[in-house]
Amino acid sequence: MFLHTLITTLLLLLPRQALSQTTLTNPVIWQDHPDLDVFRIGHTFYYSSSTFAYSPGAPLLRSFDLANWEAVTHSVPYLNFSPANAYNLTSGSRAYVKGIWASTLRYRPSTDTFYWLGCIDGSKTHIWTSPGGNARQNGGEVPPQAWNWSPRPVISNCYYDAGLFFDDNDDSQVYVVYGNTQIRMAQLVVDQNGDLKEVRNQVVYTSGDMTLEGARLYKRNGEYYVWVTRPADAQFVLRGKSPWGPFERRVLVDRIGGPLSSAGFAHQGGIVDTEDGRWFYLGFLDAYPGGRIPVAAPLTWGGDGWPIVVRDGGNGWGRTYPLPVNTTRKVNVLGPRVDEFKGGKLGPEWEWNHNPDNGKWSLSDGLVLKTATVTGDLFAARNTLTHRIVGPKSRGTFRIDVGAMRDGDRAGAVLFRDKAAYIGIHKTGNTASIVMVDNLNLVEGSWTTSSTGRVAATGPSVTGEIWLRIQADITPAFGTNTGRQVIFSYSTDGRTFTNLGPAFAMSNSWRYFTGYRYGVFNFATKALGGEVKVKSFAMEMV
């Protein structure tokens, strides 16, 4: 058994992209990466998505073939939004389902600068930039150490569900298309400091009583195309000879079938071309309980200049298509992995629930989590670290040293969302007991805590290391009453696991927007001072 575990661990540490791959399989990433914006620099594709109150925010993914993606950085290293106490999860405040919604990211070649824009909480548009990565000279590739994100002056307008566009003929011509139902176009200028300022703004299209949002702007053969979605089931295209219109409108897809059952319809997202001039559409599906997951399809252009999604034999979105790009370049594909928390910083796959207290965690041959909050409510506790779940079925195992916990501390592995459960350790006096806790709930809409949980089962006491495992089935069940099941278990030797507590049924509601995540936490109910060391995390398919 030990040899099998060792071999499995070593295999998980190897690069995971297939050596010979000829097809793209949907979903292209079976993880929660919604509200995507996609673009290309040279031979490199980039993909940005929303994260709400998780921090760092706006993850940036990279691919060389549109089928295999890796996480490389976050465009928003910390949530510098107001009110600060809400995003820091302090003073009784919180920012669940606020923060980074559909945002946008593009690269300006003339200054070698990436620009991220996002309207926060319906008020101002925040901007972050990362210059100096030499992306243009290196086929779009940026070395990990070259990402250098910093906040820029905000724009007073809210660019809701925006699409940033630097004109390909002259990237001093900058536009942002945005809005809900009433689609607006803003023209920006880049000042001598590299900051964006609005100089013109007008309505370019009104859809009447039909909601349209998720706007993106593209240019092809001298014409401008605005990508807009009818949430959450149809995609429309607006086409004009100027960014200011007038625009014609056509339906691209409307409640298109496939590629997964019990999931929503492919919509929103954006389009991107390859170096040899072929186009692809990346949208996403409502696939709760796992969240919103991306799907891709080839895009052709009719003789009349309108785009057409390539469908499968059943006139739906295909489960597979030919691989968009054949390349020898490989990525560390999102999915199964082992993290031993070594090195100077967390990997880009990790995000905290709200901004962390950076004085209460560290990396030192493992992840040290000191208690950062005195509370009885996990949803109010700082420094819960989360990781997206890979689907359709996987398990996440945390190896944790609990020897330095103190009386009243609570630590463990959590299946995190607005309806949550965990397996962990409750320290009472000198006794550290294994428990399974369910019924942790937020009120839908206000996102206040309605239940801090109940101890559903108790296991033995422990003194040192413990392996805590969550096995989750996030096969889509959207629009059904089926609660996909989660099993919690523990081990004292890392080999033999014992189930604890009842199976937990996940919620399929879309209103929290993000899907379930694996997470690890440590908080105090009496006084600060305790700590745990997370020695590893392993995520594997089952």
Protein backbone atom coordinates (compact mmCIF):
# COMPACT_ATOMS: atom_id res chain seq x y z
CA MET A 1 0.00 0.00 0.00
CA PHE A 2 2.82 2.42 0.87
CA LEU A 3 4.56 1.72 -2.45
CA HIS A 4 1.29 2.31 -4.32
CA THR A 5 0.81 5.64 -2.50
CA LEU A 6 4.39 6.68 -3.30
CA ILE A 7 4.02 5.83 -6.99
CA THR A 8 0.70 7.69 -7.16
CA THR A 9 2.28 10.76 -5.56
CA LEU A 10 5.22 10.73 -7.98
CA LEU A 11 2.88 10.42 -10.97
CA LEU A 12 0.83 13.37 -9.76
CA LEU A 13 4.00 15.46 -9.55
CA LEU A 14 4.82 14.86 -13.23
CA PRO A 15 3.61 17.22 -15.98
CA ARG A 16 0.13 16.08 -16.88
CA GLN A 17 -0.43 17.13 -20.50
CA ALA A 18 -0.82 14.18 -22.83
CA LEU A 19 2.25 13.47 -24.94
CA SER A 20 0.19 12.82 -28.07
CA GLN A 21 -3.19 14.51 -28.18
CA THR A 22 -5.40 14.95 -31.22
CA THR A 23 -8.70 16.12 -29.73
CA LEU A 24 -10.14 18.84 -27.56
CA THR A 25 -12.58 17.38 -25.03
CA ASN A 26 -15.32 19.44 -23.39
CA PRO A 27 -15.34 20.77 -20.80
CA VAL A 28 -11.85 22.06 -21.56
CA ILE A 29 -11.34 22.66 -17.82
CA TRP A 30 -13.54 20.72 -15.41
CA GLN A 31 -13.21 23.40 -12.77
CA ASP A 32 -15.10 26.56 -11.84
CA HIS A 33 -13.62 29.29 -14.09
CA PRO A 34 -16.61 31.50 -15.04
CA ASP A 35 -17.14 34.83 -16.84
CA LEU A 36 -14.12 34.15 -18.97
CA ASP A 37 -12.23 36.55 -21.19
CA VAL A 38 -9.81 34.96 -23.67
CA PHE A 39 -7.19 36.39 -26.02
CA ARG A 40 -3.92 35.52 -27.75
CA ILE A 41 -0.40 36.98 -27.92
CA GLY A 42 1.76 35.20 -30.48
CA HIS A 43 1.49 31.46 -29.81
CA THR A 44 0.17 31.94 -26.27
CA PHE A 45 -3.50 32.02 -25.23
CA TYR A 46 -4.63 33.71 -22.01
CA TYR A 47 -7.85 33.24 -20.05
CA SER A 48 -9.10 35.46 -17.20
CA SER A 49 -12.08 34.68 -14.96
CA SER A 50 -14.09 35.98 -12.00
CA THR A 51 -13.53 35.14 -8.32
CA PHE A 52 -15.95 37.32 -6.29
CA ALA A 53 -14.56 37.57 -2.70
CA TYR A 54 -11.75 35.04 -3.10
CA SER A 55 -8.25 36.50 -2.85
CA PRO A 56 -6.04 36.84 -4.81
CA GLY A 57 -8.59 37.50 -7.53
CA ALA A 58 -8.98 37.29 -11.31
CA PRO A 59 -6.81 34.22 -12.04
CA LEU A 60 -4.94 34.20 -15.31
CA LEU A 61 -4.58 30.90 -17.16
CA ARG A 62 -2.29 30.07 -20.07
CA SER A 63 -2.48 27.59 -22.93
CA PHE A 64 -0.66 26.85 -26.17
CA ASP A 65 -3.40 24.77 -27.80
CA LEU A 66 -6.73 25.97 -26.24
CA ALA A 67 -7.28 22.46 -24.83
CA ASN A 68 -4.76 22.33 -21.97
CA TRP A 69 -4.59 25.17 -19.46
CA GLU A 70 -2.39 26.07 -16.51
CA ALA A 71 -2.67 28.78 -13.85
CA VAL A 72 0.12 31.36 -14.01
CA THR A 73 -0.83 34.39 -11.89
CA HIS A 74 -3.66 36.52 -10.48
CA SER A 75 -4.34 39.97 -11.93
CA VAL A 76 -5.58 41.24 -8.55
CA PRO A 77 -3.07 40.12 -5.87
CA TYR A 78 -5.28 41.44 -3.09
CA LEU A 79 -8.79 42.88 -2.99
CA ASN A 80 -8.16 46.62 -2.64
CA PHE A 81 -11.87 47.40 -2.61
CA SER A 82 -14.15 49.30 -0.24
CA PRO A 83 -15.18 48.83 2.44
CA ALA A 84 -11.86 47.25 3.41
CA ASN A 85 -13.22 45.53 6.52
CA ALA A 86 -15.73 43.62 4.37
CA TYR A 87 -13.05 42.27 2.02
CA ASN A 88 -10.73 41.61 4.97
CA LEU A 89 -13.51 39.73 6.80
CA THR A 90 -13.10 41.92 9.91
CA SER A 91 -15.31 43.97 12.23
CA GLY A 92 -18.24 41.66 11.59
CA SER A 93 -18.33 42.54 7.88
CA ARG A 94 -18.10 40.26 4.85
CA ALA A 95 -18.21 40.45 1.06
CA TYR A 96 -19.68 37.12 -0.05
CA VAL A 97 -20.92 37.26 -3.68
CA LYS A 98 -19.41 40.73 -4.07
CA GLY A 99 -16.04 41.69 -5.51
CA ILE A 100 -14.85 40.49 -8.91
CA TRP A 101 -17.69 39.60 -11.27
CA ALA A 102 -17.25 39.49 -15.06
CA SER A 103 -14.08 41.49 -15.73
CA THR A 104 -11.71 41.91 -18.66
CA LEU A 105 -8.03 41.60 -19.48
CA ARG A 106 -5.98 42.60 -22.50
CA TYR A 107 -2.38 43.24 -23.52
CA ARG A 108 -1.10 46.53 -24.96
CA PRO A 109 1.90 45.67 -27.21
CA SER A 110 3.36 49.17 -27.58
CA THR A 111 4.07 49.43 -23.85
CA ASP A 112 4.36 45.70 -23.08
CA THR A 113 1.61 45.98 -20.46
CA PHE A 114 -1.28 43.77 -19.37
CA TYR A 115 -4.39 45.69 -18.25
CA TRP A 116 -7.12 44.21 -16.05
CA LEU A 117 -10.41 46.11 -15.54
CA GLY A 118 -13.36 45.24 -13.33
CA CYS A 119 -16.37 47.10 -11.95
CA ILE A 120 -16.62 46.40 -8.23
CA ASP A 121 -19.99 46.29 -6.46
CA GLY A 122 -21.71 48.44 -9.10
CA SER A 123 -19.67 51.55 -8.38
CA LYS A 124 -16.16 52.23 -9.72
CA THR A 125 -13.99 50.38 -12.20
CA HIS A 126 -10.72 49.17 -10.72
CA ILE A 127 -7.61 48.73 -12.85
CA TRP A 128 -4.48 46.65 -12.31
CA THR A 129 -1.50 46.44 -14.68
CA SER A 130 1.54 44.22 -15.14
CA PRO A 131 4.28 45.69 -17.39
CA GLY A 132 7.68 44.52 -18.49
CA GLY A 133 7.19 40.82 -19.15
CA ASN A 134 8.43 41.01 -22.78
CA ALA A 135 5.37 39.07 -23.92
CA ARG A 136 5.41 40.50 -27.42
CA GLN A 137 9.03 39.49 -28.00
CA ASN A 138 8.53 35.97 -26.59
CA GLY A 139 5.45 34.77 -28.44
CA GLY A 140 3.26 35.86 -25.56
CA GLU A 141 5.11 33.90 -22.89
CA VAL A 142 5.89 35.66 -19.60
CA PRO A 143 8.32 34.14 -17.07
CA PRO A 144 6.69 33.49 -13.65
CA GLN A 145 8.92 36.02 -11.90
CA ALA A 146 8.07 38.76 -14.41
CA TRP A 147 4.43 39.19 -13.37
CA ASN A 148 4.30 42.46 -11.47
CA TRP A 149 0.72 43.57 -10.84
CA SER A 150 0.01 46.96 -9.32
CA PRO A 151 -3.20 48.99 -8.85
CA ARG A 152 -3.83 52.05 -11.01
CA PRO A 153 -6.23 54.99 -10.52
CA VAL A 154 -9.86 53.91 -10.68
CA ILE A 155 -12.40 55.12 -13.23
CA SER A 156 -15.51 56.63 -11.66
CA ASN A 157 -17.90 54.85 -14.07
CA CYS A 158 -18.96 51.26 -13.52
CA TYR A 159 -17.99 49.28 -16.64
CA TYR A 160 -20.37 46.41 -15.89
CA ASP A 161 -19.54 43.09 -17.61
CA ALA A 162 -16.94 44.87 -19.68
CA GLY A 163 -14.76 44.02 -22.66
CA LEU A 164 -11.48 45.92 -23.08
CA PHE A 165 -10.12 46.41 -26.60
CA PHE A 166 -6.88 47.92 -27.90
CA ASP A 167 -7.32 48.58 -31.61
CA ASP A 168 -5.02 46.38 -33.69
CA ASN A 169 -4.06 49.23 -36.03
CA ASP A 170 -3.21 51.69 -33.26
CA ASP A 171 -3.26 50.56 -29.63
CA SER A 172 -3.58 54.14 -28.43
CA GLN A 173 -7.19 53.72 -29.56
CA VAL A 174 -8.74 52.07 -26.51
CA TYR A 175 -12.37 51.04 -26.08
CA VAL A 176 -14.48 49.38 -23.40
CA VAL A 177 -17.86 47.92 -24.28
CA TYR A 178 -20.14 47.22 -21.32
CA GLY A 179 -23.62 47.36 -19.87
CA ASN A 180 -26.80 45.45 -19.20
CA THR A 181 -29.53 45.69 -21.87
CA GLN A 182 -28.29 49.17 -22.75
CA ILE A 183 -24.87 48.48 -24.26
CA ARG A 184 -22.45 51.38 -24.03
CA MET A 185 -19.06 52.10 -25.60
CA ALA A 186 -16.41 54.10 -23.75
CA GLN A 187 -13.32 55.47 -25.45
CA LEU A 188 -10.22 55.76 -23.28
CA VAL A 189 -6.81 57.34 -23.62
CA VAL A 190 -3.57 56.16 -22.07
CA ASP A 191 -1.78 59.03 -20.36
CA GLN A 192 1.99 59.44 -19.94
CA ASN A 193 1.88 57.37 -16.75
CA GLY A 194 0.12 54.50 -18.46
CA ASP A 195 -3.21 55.22 -16.72
CA LEU A 196 -6.56 54.98 -18.51
CA LYS A 197 -8.91 57.94 -18.70
CA GLU A 198 -12.33 58.13 -20.32
CA VAL A 199 -12.83 60.71 -23.08
CA ARG A 200 -16.09 59.59 -24.69
CA ASN A 201 -19.06 57.45 -23.71
CA GLN A 202 -22.34 56.71 -25.46
CA VAL A 203 -25.05 54.11 -25.90
CA VAL A 204 -24.39 52.01 -29.02
CA TYR A 205 -27.16 49.44 -28.75
CA THR A 206 -30.40 48.98 -26.80
CA SER A 207 -32.04 45.57 -26.67
CA GLY A 208 -35.42 46.72 -25.37
CA ASP A 209 -36.88 44.43 -22.73
CA MET A 210 -34.36 41.60 -23.28
CA THR A 211 -31.39 41.40 -20.92
CA LEU A 212 -28.03 41.43 -22.69
CA GLU A 213 -24.69 41.54 -20.85
CA GLY A 214 -21.23 39.97 -20.80
CA ALA A 215 -20.00 42.25 -23.60
CA ARG A 216 -16.71 41.74 -25.48
CA LEU A 217 -15.37 43.67 -28.48
CA TYR A 218 -13.47 42.20 -31.46
CA LYS A 219 -12.31 43.36 -34.86
CA ARG A 220 -12.15 41.26 -38.02
CA ASN A 221 -11.54 42.40 -41.59
CA GLY A 222 -12.06 46.01 -40.56
CA GLU A 223 -15.45 45.39 -38.91
CA TYR A 224 -16.30 45.44 -35.21
CA TYR A 225 -18.15 42.64 -33.44
CA VAL A 226 -19.69 42.92 -29.98
CA TRP A 227 -20.24 39.62 -28.19
CA VAL A 228 -23.24 39.76 -25.80
CA THR A 229 -25.14 37.10 -23.88
CA ARG A 230 -28.73 36.62 -22.82
CA PRO A 231 -28.16 35.04 -19.43
CA ALA A 232 -27.89 32.21 -19.19
CA ASP A 233 -28.91 30.47 -22.41
CA ALA A 234 -28.10 32.39 -25.61
CA GLN A 235 -25.33 34.27 -27.36
CA PHE A 236 -25.82 37.21 -29.71
CA VAL A 237 -23.44 39.06 -32.02
CA LEU A 238 -23.61 42.76 -32.84
CA ARG A 239 -21.78 43.85 -36.00
CA GLY A 240 -20.85 47.30 -37.27
CA LYS A 241 -18.26 49.21 -39.26
CA SER A 242 -17.35 51.45 -36.30
CA PRO A 243 -17.05 50.94 -32.53
CA TRP A 244 -19.89 53.45 -32.29
CA GLY A 245 -22.23 51.53 -34.54
CA PRO A 246 -24.77 51.34 -35.93
CA PHE A 247 -24.92 47.63 -35.12
CA GLU A 248 -26.91 44.78 -36.60
CA ARG A 249 -27.76 41.83 -34.34
CA ARG A 250 -27.88 38.11 -35.01
CA VAL A 251 -28.26 35.01 -32.86
CA LEU A 252 -25.16 32.83 -32.61
CA VAL A 253 -26.54 30.09 -30.33
CA ASP A 254 -29.87 29.88 -28.53
CA ARG A 255 -30.34 27.12 -25.93
CA ILE A 256 -27.89 24.91 -27.80
CA GLY A 257 -27.80 21.31 -26.59
CA GLY A 258 -24.78 19.56 -25.07
CA PRO A 259 -22.09 18.76 -24.33
CA LEU A 260 -23.05 17.67 -20.76
CA SER A 261 -26.40 16.58 -19.36
CA SER A 262 -27.98 18.28 -16.31
CA ALA A 263 -25.97 21.40 -17.11
CA GLY A 264 -26.99 24.75 -18.54
CA PHE A 265 -26.51 26.06 -22.05
CA ALA A 266 -23.19 27.27 -23.47
CA HIS A 267 -23.15 31.06 -23.37
CA GLN A 268 -21.10 34.22 -22.63
CA GLY A 269 -17.29 33.99 -22.78
CA GLY A 270 -15.46 35.15 -25.88
CA ILE A 271 -13.68 34.27 -29.12
CA VAL A 272 -10.04 34.00 -30.09
CA ASP A 273 -8.09 33.25 -33.26
CA THR A 274 -5.05 31.06 -33.80
CA GLU A 275 -1.84 32.16 -35.49
CA ASP A 276 -3.03 30.57 -38.73
CA GLY A 277 -6.33 32.49 -38.71
CA ARG A 278 -8.83 29.93 -37.39
CA TRP A 279 -11.34 31.04 -34.74
CA PHE A 280 -12.76 29.42 -31.62
CA TYR A 281 -15.51 30.28 -29.18
CA LEU A 282 -15.05 29.61 -25.46
CA GLY A 283 -18.22 29.86 -23.40
CA PHE A 284 -19.29 28.20 -20.16
CA LEU A 285 -22.03 26.01 -18.72
CA ASP A 286 -23.92 26.34 -15.46
CA ALA A 287 -22.75 23.01 -14.04
CA TYR A 288 -23.59 23.20 -10.34
CA PRO A 289 -22.65 21.98 -7.79
CA GLY A 290 -19.23 22.36 -9.43
CA GLY A 291 -19.86 25.91 -10.64
CA ARG A 292 -19.57 27.29 -14.16
CA ILE A 293 -17.17 25.39 -16.38
CA PRO A 294 -15.73 26.32 -19.79
CA VAL A 295 -16.44 24.65 -23.12
CA ALA A 296 -14.92 25.37 -26.53
CA ALA A 297 -16.02 24.98 -30.15
CA PRO A 298 -14.61 25.97 -33.54
CA LEU A 299 -16.05 29.10 -35.14
CA THR A 300 -16.36 29.62 -38.89
CA TRP A 301 -17.39 32.71 -40.82
CA GLY A 302 -20.08 32.75 -43.45
CA GLY A 303 -19.68 34.47 -46.78
CA ASP A 304 -21.79 37.29 -45.35
CA GLY A 305 -19.26 37.92 -42.56
CA TRP A 306 -21.29 36.46 -39.66
CA PRO A 307 -19.80 33.86 -37.29
CA ILE A 308 -21.12 30.28 -37.08
CA VAL A 309 -20.47 27.76 -34.27
CA VAL A 310 -19.42 24.34 -35.54
CA ARG A 311 -21.89 21.80 -34.13
CA ASP A 312 -21.80 18.05 -33.67
CA GLY A 313 -23.84 15.50 -35.61
CA GLY A 314 -26.83 16.12 -33.37
CA ASN A 315 -26.78 19.87 -34.05
CA GLY A 316 -25.44 20.54 -30.57
CA TRP A 317 -22.25 21.68 -28.92
CA GLY A 318 -19.73 18.89 -29.48
CA ARG A 319 -18.20 16.86 -26.70
CA THR A 320 -15.01 16.64 -28.75
CA TYR A 321 -13.42 18.56 -31.62
CA PRO A 322 -10.05 18.29 -33.38
CA LEU A 323 -7.23 19.80 -31.33
CA PRO A 324 -7.08 23.51 -32.26
CA VAL A 325 -3.28 23.79 -32.27
CA ASN A 326 -0.64 21.08 -32.62
CA THR A 327 2.38 22.13 -30.58
CA THR A 328 5.28 20.65 -28.63
CA ARG A 329 4.86 23.28 -25.91
CA LYS A 330 3.41 21.81 -22.71
CA VAL A 331 1.69 23.21 -19.64
CA ASN A 332 1.12 21.99 -16.08
CA VAL A 333 -2.53 21.15 -16.72
CA LEU A 334 -5.12 22.15 -14.13
CA GLY A 335 -6.37 19.03 -12.40
CA PRO A 336 -4.90 16.31 -10.17
CA ARG A 337 -1.86 17.44 -8.24
CA VAL A 338 0.20 17.22 -5.06
CA ASP A 339 1.29 20.37 -3.24
CA GLU A 340 3.78 20.08 -0.38
CA PHE A 341 3.76 23.84 0.28
CA LYS A 342 7.46 24.34 -0.34
CA GLY A 343 9.04 27.48 -1.75
CA GLY A 344 8.46 31.12 -1.04
CA LYS A 345 4.83 31.51 -2.10
CA LEU A 346 1.60 29.67 -2.68
CA GLY A 347 0.91 28.30 -6.14
CA PRO A 348 -1.53 30.18 -8.38
CA GLU A 349 -4.18 27.46 -7.92
CA TRP A 350 -4.85 28.63 -4.34
CA GLU A 351 -7.17 31.44 -3.19
CA TRP A 352 -8.16 32.62 0.28
CA ASN A 353 -11.73 33.21 1.39
CA HIS A 354 -11.54 37.05 1.44
CA ASN A 355 -8.19 38.78 2.00
CA PRO A 356 -5.96 36.85 4.42
CA ASP A 357 -4.25 38.12 7.54
CA ASN A 358 -0.71 37.74 6.22
CA GLY A 359 0.76 37.83 9.70
CA LYS A 360 -1.05 34.61 10.57
CA TRP A 361 0.26 32.24 7.92
CA SER A 362 3.64 31.27 6.50
CA LEU A 363 5.38 28.72 4.32
CA SER A 364 8.11 26.77 6.09
CA ASP A 365 8.40 23.17 4.89
CA GLY A 366 4.62 23.21 4.95
CA LEU A 367 1.85 25.76 5.33
CA VAL A 368 1.56 27.12 8.87
CA LEU A 369 -1.91 28.43 9.71
CA LYS A 370 -2.05 30.33 12.98
CA THR A 371 -5.47 31.16 14.37
CA ALA A 372 -6.43 34.56 12.98
CA THR A 373 -9.97 34.99 14.31
CA VAL A 374 -11.84 34.24 17.53
CA THR A 375 -15.30 33.14 16.40
CA GLY A 376 -17.70 30.24 16.39
CA ASP A 377 -18.52 30.83 12.72
CA LEU A 378 -16.34 29.37 9.98
CA PHE A 379 -17.83 31.90 7.52
CA ALA A 380 -16.45 34.73 9.70
CA ALA A 381 -13.01 33.14 10.22
CA ARG A 382 -10.06 34.57 8.33
CA ASN A 383 -7.45 32.54 6.44
CA THR A 384 -9.50 29.70 5.01
CA LEU A 385 -7.46 28.61 1.99
CA THR A 386 -9.39 27.15 -0.95
CA HIS A 387 -8.73 25.12 -4.09
CA ARG A 388 -11.12 24.49 -6.98
CA ILE A 389 -12.45 20.94 -7.23
CA VAL A 390 -11.66 19.01 -10.39
CA GLY A 391 -14.57 17.08 -11.85
CA PRO A 392 -16.46 15.04 -12.42
CA LYS A 393 -15.34 13.06 -9.34
CA SER A 394 -12.26 13.63 -7.25
CA ARG A 395 -10.94 13.66 -3.72
CA GLY A 396 -8.79 16.15 -1.86
CA THR A 397 -6.61 15.01 1.03
CA PHE A 398 -4.91 17.35 3.49
CA ARG A 399 -2.08 16.07 5.69
CA ILE A 400 -2.10 18.24 8.82
CA ASP A 401 -0.01 18.35 12.01
CA VAL A 402 -2.41 19.41 14.77
CA GLY A 403 0.05 19.15 17.70
CA ALA A 404 0.16 22.92 18.34
CA MET A 405 -3.59 23.50 18.53
CA ARG A 406 -4.93 25.12 21.70
CA ASP A 407 -8.07 24.74 23.77
CA GLY A 408 -11.10 25.85 21.75
CA ASP A 409 -9.40 25.74 18.36
CA ARG A 410 -11.14 24.34 15.27
CA ALA A 411 -9.14 23.14 12.25
CA GLY A 412 -9.74 20.88 9.31
CA ALA A 413 -10.68 20.26 5.69
CA VAL A 414 -13.85 21.94 4.48
CA LEU A 415 -16.12 21.51 1.49
CA PHE A 416 -16.60 25.25 1.11
CA ARG A 417 -19.59 27.13 -0.25
CA ASP A 418 -22.73 28.76 1.18
CA LYS A 419 -23.97 25.30 2.25
CA ALA A 420 -20.88 23.67 3.72
CA ALA A 421 -19.52 20.78 5.77
CA TYR A 422 -16.12 19.74 7.10
CA ILE A 423 -14.05 17.03 8.71
CA GLY A 424 -11.67 18.39 11.28
CA ILE A 425 -10.30 18.62 14.77
CA HIS A 426 -12.01 20.22 17.76
CA LYS A 427 -9.57 20.86 20.61
CA THR A 428 -11.17 20.79 24.07
CA GLY A 429 -8.74 21.13 26.95
CA ASN A 430 -5.91 18.73 26.14
CA THR A 431 -8.01 16.50 23.88
CA ALA A 432 -8.08 16.90 20.09
CA SER A 433 -11.05 14.98 18.66
CA ILE A 434 -11.83 14.19 15.05
CA VAL A 435 -15.30 15.44 14.08
CA MET A 436 -17.49 15.67 11.02
CA VAL A 437 -19.59 18.86 11.01
CA ASP A 438 -22.42 19.69 8.60
CA ASN A 439 -25.25 22.23 8.43
CA LEU A 440 -22.99 25.28 8.01
CA ASN A 441 -25.25 27.66 6.07
CA LEU A 442 -25.46 31.20 4.74
CA VAL A 443 -28.78 32.92 4.06
CA GLU A 444 -29.23 33.17 0.30
CA GLY A 445 -29.26 36.84 -0.70
CA SER A 446 -28.02 38.51 2.48
CA TRP A 447 -25.18 35.97 2.89
CA THR A 448 -25.35 36.22 6.66
CA THR A 449 -24.78 33.06 8.66
CA SER A 450 -27.93 31.13 9.54
CA SER A 451 -26.19 28.09 11.04
CA THR A 452 -22.66 27.56 12.33
CA GLY A 453 -22.99 23.80 11.99
CA ARG A 454 -23.65 20.71 14.05
CA VAL A 455 -21.31 17.89 15.00
CA ALA A 456 -22.78 15.00 13.02
CA ALA A 457 -20.16 12.43 14.06
CA THR A 458 -17.15 12.12 16.36
CA GLY A 459 -14.07 9.98 15.85
CA PRO A 460 -11.05 9.21 18.01
CA SER A 461 -8.67 11.71 19.56
CA VAL A 462 -5.32 12.47 17.90
CA THR A 463 -2.05 14.06 18.99
CA GLY A 464 0.09 14.66 15.90
CA GLU A 465 -0.51 14.17 12.20
CA ILE A 466 -3.87 13.45 10.63
CA TRP A 467 -4.95 12.95 7.02
CA LEU A 468 -8.35 14.49 6.28
CA ARG A 469 -10.09 13.60 3.02
CA ILE A 470 -13.09 14.95 1.11
CA GLN A 471 -14.42 12.92 -1.82
CA ALA A 472 -16.76 14.97 -4.02
CA ASP A 473 -18.95 14.14 -7.00
CA ILE A 474 -19.51 17.39 -8.89
CA THR A 475 -21.16 15.77 -11.91
CA PRO A 476 -23.61 18.47 -13.06
CA ALA A 477 -27.05 18.33 -11.43
CA PHE A 478 -28.16 21.86 -12.31
CA GLY A 479 -31.90 22.31 -12.41
CA THR A 480 -32.53 19.01 -10.63
CA ASN A 481 -33.32 17.98 -7.06
CA THR A 482 -30.40 15.58 -7.03
CA GLY A 483 -27.90 16.42 -4.30
CA ARG A 484 -24.52 15.10 -5.42
CA GLN A 485 -22.83 13.23 -2.58
CA VAL A 486 -19.69 14.00 -0.59
CA ILE A 487 -17.92 11.54 1.71
CA PHE A 488 -15.61 12.62 4.54
CA SER A 489 -12.88 10.35 5.93
CA TYR A 490 -9.69 10.40 7.99
CA SER A 491 -6.50 8.42 8.43
CA THR A 492 -3.82 8.35 11.10
CA ASP A 493 -1.20 6.76 8.84
CA GLY A 494 -1.99 8.11 5.35
CA ARG A 495 -2.89 4.65 4.04
CA THR A 496 -6.07 3.37 5.64
CA PHE A 497 -9.02 5.78 5.66
CA THR A 498 -12.16 5.59 7.77
CA ASN A 499 -15.40 7.31 6.73
CA LEU A 500 -16.92 9.64 9.30
CA GLY A 501 -20.44 11.03 9.45
CA PRO A 502 -23.27 10.92 6.94
CA ALA A 503 -22.88 11.67 3.23
CA PHE A 504 -23.35 15.35 2.52
CA ALA A 505 -25.63 16.49 -0.32
CA MET A 506 -24.37 19.56 -2.17
CA SER A 507 -26.52 22.49 -3.26
CA ASN A 508 -27.21 23.09 -6.96
CA SER A 509 -28.26 26.73 -6.54
CA TRP A 510 -26.60 29.26 -8.84
CA ARG A 511 -27.11 32.29 -6.58
CA TYR A 512 -23.77 31.99 -4.79
CA PHE A 513 -22.30 31.87 -8.30
CA THR A 514 -19.10 30.01 -7.44
CA GLY A 515 -18.98 26.23 -7.13
CA TYR A 516 -17.85 24.10 -4.24
CA ARG A 517 -14.18 24.11 -3.28
CA TYR A 518 -11.80 22.11 -1.15
CA GLY A 519 -10.46 24.20 1.71
CA VAL A 520 -8.33 24.10 4.85
CA PHE A 521 -8.90 26.25 7.93
CA ASN A 522 -7.85 26.96 11.51
CA PHE A 523 -9.68 29.35 13.84
CA ALA A 524 -10.08 29.90 17.58
CA THR A 525 -13.24 29.97 19.64
CA LYS A 526 -11.52 31.09 22.88
CA ALA A 527 -8.17 32.82 22.27
CA LEU A 528 -5.53 33.23 19.57
CA GLY A 529 -2.17 31.48 19.76
CA GLY A 530 -2.72 28.01 18.33
CA GLU A 531 -1.52 26.80 14.96
CA VAL A 532 -1.49 23.84 12.59
CA LYS A 533 0.94 22.87 9.85
CA VAL A 534 -0.51 21.67 6.54
CA LYS A 535 2.17 19.37 5.19
CA SER A 536 0.56 18.48 1.88
CA PHE A 537 -2.54 18.53 -0.26
CA ALA A 538 -3.28 15.85 -2.85
CA MET A 539 -6.12 16.04 -5.38
CA GLU A 540 -6.79 12.94 -7.46
CA MET A 541 -9.54 11.58 -9.67
CA VAL A 542 -11.79 8.79 -8.43
